[in-house]
Protein backbone atom coordinates (compact mmCIF):
# COMPACT_ATOMS: atom_id res chain seq x y z
CA MET A 1 -0.61 6.25 -1.73
CA PHE A 2 -1.77 9.34 -3.80
CA ASP A 3 -0.06 12.73 -2.82
CA TYR A 4 -2.69 15.57 -3.35
CA VAL A 5 0.05 18.02 -2.78
CA ALA A 6 2.12 16.72 -5.47
CA ASN A 7 -0.70 15.28 -7.63
CA ALA A 8 1.29 11.95 -7.93
CA TRP A 9 1.28 8.40 -6.60
CA VAL A 10 4.02 7.82 -4.18
CA SER A 11 5.61 4.40 -3.19
CA LEU A 12 5.68 4.38 0.72
CA ASP A 13 6.94 0.81 1.15
CA THR A 14 8.49 -2.01 -0.69
CA ARG A 15 9.08 -5.68 0.56
CA ALA A 16 9.04 -9.38 -0.12
CA ALA A 17 5.27 -10.78 0.35
CA THR A 18 5.13 -13.52 2.96
CA HIS A 19 4.92 -16.92 1.33
CA GLY A 20 1.83 -19.11 2.14
CA SER A 21 0.73 -17.35 5.30
CA ASN A 22 -0.91 -14.47 6.54
CA GLY A 23 0.97 -11.20 7.23
CA THR A 24 0.51 -7.82 8.73
CA VAL A 25 2.37 -4.51 7.44
CA ILE A 26 2.47 -1.27 9.22
CA VAL A 27 3.73 1.67 7.31
CA THR A 28 4.16 5.11 9.11
CA VAL A 29 3.92 8.10 7.05
CA ALA A 30 5.59 11.39 7.75
CA SER A 31 3.10 14.34 6.69
CA PRO A 32 0.02 12.40 6.32
CA ASN A 33 -2.09 15.27 5.52
CA ARG A 34 -0.75 15.23 1.82
CA PHE A 35 -2.47 11.98 1.29
CA ILE A 36 -5.82 13.28 2.44
CA GLN A 37 -7.95 15.26 -0.11
CA ASN A 38 -9.06 18.65 1.40
CA GLY A 39 -12.88 19.02 1.41
CA THR A 40 -13.61 15.31 0.69
CA ARG A 41 -11.07 13.67 3.10
CA THR A 42 -10.48 11.11 0.34
CA ILE A 43 -7.68 8.72 0.58
CA LEU A 44 -6.37 6.84 -2.45
CA ALA A 45 -4.09 3.90 -2.11
CA ARG A 46 -2.71 1.03 -4.43
CA LEU A 47 -1.40 -2.42 -3.43
CA THR A 48 0.54 -4.09 -6.31
CA TYR A 49 2.35 -7.41 -6.42
CA LYS A 50 5.07 -8.45 -9.13
CA GLN A 51 7.06 -11.42 -9.57
CA SER A 52 10.77 -10.60 -8.46
CA GLY A 53 12.41 -14.01 -9.19
CA PRO A 54 11.88 -17.66 -10.52
CA THR A 55 8.25 -18.80 -9.92
CA LEU A 56 7.69 -22.59 -9.64
CA ILE A 57 3.73 -22.21 -9.50
CA TYR A 58 1.87 -20.49 -12.56
CA PRO A 59 -0.51 -18.69 -12.20
CA TRP A 60 0.53 -17.23 -8.88
CA GLY A 61 -1.74 -14.83 -7.09
CA SER A 62 -2.05 -12.81 -3.99
CA SER A 63 -5.18 -11.63 -1.90
CA THR A 64 -5.69 -8.81 0.49
CA ASP A 65 -8.42 -9.27 3.14
CA GLN A 66 -8.22 -5.82 4.72
CA VAL A 67 -6.66 -2.35 4.64
CA GLN A 68 -6.89 0.19 7.55
CA PHE A 69 -5.69 3.80 7.78
CA LEU A 70 -5.00 5.13 11.03
CA TYR A 71 -4.62 8.92 11.74
CA SER A 72 -3.01 10.18 14.79
CA GLN A 73 -1.64 13.41 15.74
């Protein structure tokens, strides 16, 4: 996610993707206010996938249906 205090992208989670099935990932963030832009309340996030080993199927791909942000105090 983009850290507006540090003015930089921050990696919050790294894991192997589920293979051939749906999955849910929950990431809890300490100090979430740094990822919310003052005034506009904008949140920026990037999801990236990369090959981490031999891939038998080419071209491979991924899809993301939904991303949610929940802020609680």
